[in-house]
Amino acid sequence: MFGSLGLPELLIILFIVILVFGASRLPELGKGIGKGIKNFKAATKDGTDDQSDS
């Protein structure tokens, strides 16, 4: 659908993200995404453990 994303495309996306959120909010945004991924992994792991018990 999107093809392969190369370095120029990734730089353009990064530039747009910086414009939208501002450079000062990027670490906060990254921390939030990291916590979300961690919680998602923990929830999927717990869900598979629950299914194997029954």
N, C-alpha and C. Protein backbone atom coordinates (compact mmCIF):
# COMPACT_ATOMS: atom_id res chain seq x y z
N MET A 1 0.82 -1.19 0.00
CA MET A 1 0.00 0.00 0.00
C MET A 1 0.87 1.26 0.00
N PHE A 2 1.80 1.37 0.97
CA PHE A 2 2.63 2.56 1.06
C PHE A 2 3.96 2.39 0.34
N GLY A 3 4.33 1.17 0.00
CA GLY A 3 5.63 0.94 -0.59
C GLY A 3 6.68 0.97 0.52
N SER A 4 7.90 1.18 0.13
CA SER A 4 8.96 1.23 1.14
C SER A 4 9.24 2.68 1.52
N LEU A 5 9.40 2.91 2.79
CA LEU A 5 9.72 4.25 3.27
C LEU A 5 11.23 4.37 3.37
N GLY A 6 11.76 5.33 2.68
CA GLY A 6 13.19 5.57 2.72
C GLY A 6 13.53 6.69 3.68
N LEU A 7 14.79 7.06 3.71
CA LEU A 7 15.25 8.11 4.61
C LEU A 7 14.59 9.45 4.32
N PRO A 8 14.46 9.89 3.08
CA PRO A 8 13.81 11.19 2.84
C PRO A 8 12.36 11.24 3.35
N GLU A 9 11.63 10.16 3.15
CA GLU A 9 10.24 10.14 3.62
C GLU A 9 10.17 10.19 5.14
N LEU A 10 11.06 9.44 5.81
CA LEU A 10 11.07 9.44 7.27
C LEU A 10 11.45 10.82 7.83
N LEU A 11 12.37 11.50 7.16
CA LEU A 11 12.75 12.84 7.60
C LEU A 11 11.60 13.82 7.44
N ILE A 12 10.85 13.71 6.37
CA ILE A 12 9.69 14.58 6.17
C ILE A 12 8.64 14.31 7.25
N ILE A 13 8.39 13.04 7.56
CA ILE A 13 7.43 12.70 8.61
C ILE A 13 7.90 13.26 9.94
N LEU A 14 9.18 13.11 10.27
CA LEU A 14 9.74 13.64 11.53
C LEU A 14 9.58 15.15 11.58
N PHE A 15 9.83 15.84 10.48
CA PHE A 15 9.68 17.29 10.42
C PHE A 15 8.24 17.71 10.68
N ILE A 16 7.29 16.99 10.11
CA ILE A 16 5.87 17.31 10.31
C ILE A 16 5.48 17.08 11.77
N VAL A 17 5.98 15.99 12.36
CA VAL A 17 5.68 15.71 13.77
C VAL A 17 6.23 16.82 14.66
N ILE A 18 7.43 17.29 14.37
CA ILE A 18 8.02 18.37 15.16
C ILE A 18 7.20 19.64 15.01
N LEU A 19 6.71 19.92 13.80
CA LEU A 19 5.88 21.11 13.60
C LEU A 19 4.57 21.01 14.36
N VAL A 20 3.97 19.84 14.38
CA VAL A 20 2.66 19.68 15.02
C VAL A 20 2.78 19.71 16.54
N PHE A 21 3.70 18.95 17.10
CA PHE A 21 3.79 18.80 18.55
C PHE A 21 4.79 19.74 19.20
N GLY A 22 5.76 20.22 18.47
CA GLY A 22 6.80 21.06 19.06
C GLY A 22 7.93 20.20 19.60
N ALA A 23 9.13 20.72 19.51
CA ALA A 23 10.30 19.95 19.92
C ALA A 23 10.32 19.66 21.42
N SER A 24 9.73 20.53 22.22
CA SER A 24 9.76 20.32 23.67
C SER A 24 8.86 19.18 24.11
N ARG A 25 7.84 18.84 23.32
CA ARG A 25 6.90 17.77 23.72
C ARG A 25 7.30 16.41 23.18
N LEU A 26 8.30 16.31 22.32
CA LEU A 26 8.69 15.03 21.74
C LEU A 26 9.11 14.00 22.78
N PRO A 27 9.94 14.33 23.77
CA PRO A 27 10.29 13.31 24.78
C PRO A 27 9.08 12.81 25.55
N GLU A 28 8.16 13.72 25.87
CA GLU A 28 6.93 13.33 26.57
C GLU A 28 6.08 12.41 25.70
N LEU A 29 6.00 12.73 24.43
CA LEU A 29 5.23 11.91 23.49
C LEU A 29 5.85 10.52 23.35
N GLY A 30 7.18 10.46 23.24
CA GLY A 30 7.87 9.18 23.15
C GLY A 30 7.68 8.33 24.39
N LYS A 31 7.71 8.97 25.56
CA LYS A 31 7.51 8.24 26.81
C LYS A 31 6.10 7.66 26.88
N GLY A 32 5.13 8.43 26.44
CA GLY A 32 3.74 7.96 26.44
C GLY A 32 3.54 6.79 25.50
N ILE A 33 4.14 6.86 24.32
CA ILE A 33 4.04 5.75 23.36
C ILE A 33 4.71 4.51 23.92
N GLY A 34 5.87 4.67 24.55
CA GLY A 34 6.57 3.54 25.15
C GLY A 34 5.76 2.86 26.25
N LYS A 35 5.13 3.67 27.09
CA LYS A 35 4.29 3.10 28.15
C LYS A 35 3.09 2.37 27.56
N GLY A 36 2.53 2.93 26.51
CA GLY A 36 1.39 2.29 25.85
C GLY A 36 1.75 0.93 25.27
N ILE A 37 2.90 0.86 24.62
CA ILE A 37 3.36 -0.41 24.04
C ILE A 37 3.63 -1.43 25.15
N LYS A 38 4.24 -0.97 26.24
CA LYS A 38 4.53 -1.87 27.37
C LYS A 38 3.25 -2.42 27.98
N ASN A 39 2.25 -1.55 28.16
CA ASN A 39 0.97 -1.99 28.70
C ASN A 39 0.26 -2.95 27.75
N PHE A 40 0.35 -2.69 26.46
CA PHE A 40 -0.28 -3.55 25.47
C PHE A 40 0.35 -4.94 25.49
N LYS A 41 1.68 -5.00 25.56
CA LYS A 41 2.37 -6.29 25.62
C LYS A 41 1.99 -7.06 26.88
N ALA A 42 1.91 -6.35 28.00
CA ALA A 42 1.54 -7.00 29.26
C ALA A 42 0.11 -7.52 29.19
N ALA A 43 -0.77 -6.76 28.58
CA ALA A 43 -2.18 -7.18 28.49
C ALA A 43 -2.33 -8.39 27.57
N THR A 44 -1.59 -8.41 26.46
CA THR A 44 -1.70 -9.55 25.56
C THR A 44 -1.08 -10.79 26.20
N LYS A 45 -0.03 -10.62 26.98
CA LYS A 45 0.58 -11.75 27.67
C LYS A 45 -0.38 -12.30 28.72
N ASP A 46 -1.01 -11.41 29.48
CA ASP A 46 -1.98 -11.84 30.49
C ASP A 46 -3.17 -12.52 29.84
N GLY A 47 -3.59 -12.04 28.69
CA GLY A 47 -4.73 -12.63 27.99
C GLY A 47 -4.44 -14.04 27.52
N THR A 48 -3.23 -14.31 27.07
CA THR A 48 -2.89 -15.67 26.62
C THR A 48 -2.74 -16.60 27.81
N ASP A 49 -2.27 -16.06 28.95
CA ASP A 49 -2.17 -16.89 30.16
C ASP A 49 -3.56 -17.29 30.65
N ASP A 50 -4.52 -16.36 30.59
CA ASP A 50 -5.88 -16.64 31.03
C ASP A 50 -6.54 -17.70 30.18
N GLN A 51 -6.30 -17.68 28.89
CA GLN A 51 -6.94 -18.64 27.99
C GLN A 51 -6.37 -20.03 28.16
N SER A 52 -5.08 -20.14 28.49
CA SER A 52 -4.47 -21.46 28.63
C SER A 52 -4.91 -22.14 29.92
N ASP A 53 -5.38 -21.38 30.92
CA ASP A 53 -5.81 -21.96 32.20
C ASP A 53 -7.13 -22.70 32.08
N SER A 54 -8.00 -22.29 31.16
CA SER A 54 -9.32 -22.92 31.09
C SER A 54 -9.38 -24.07 30.14
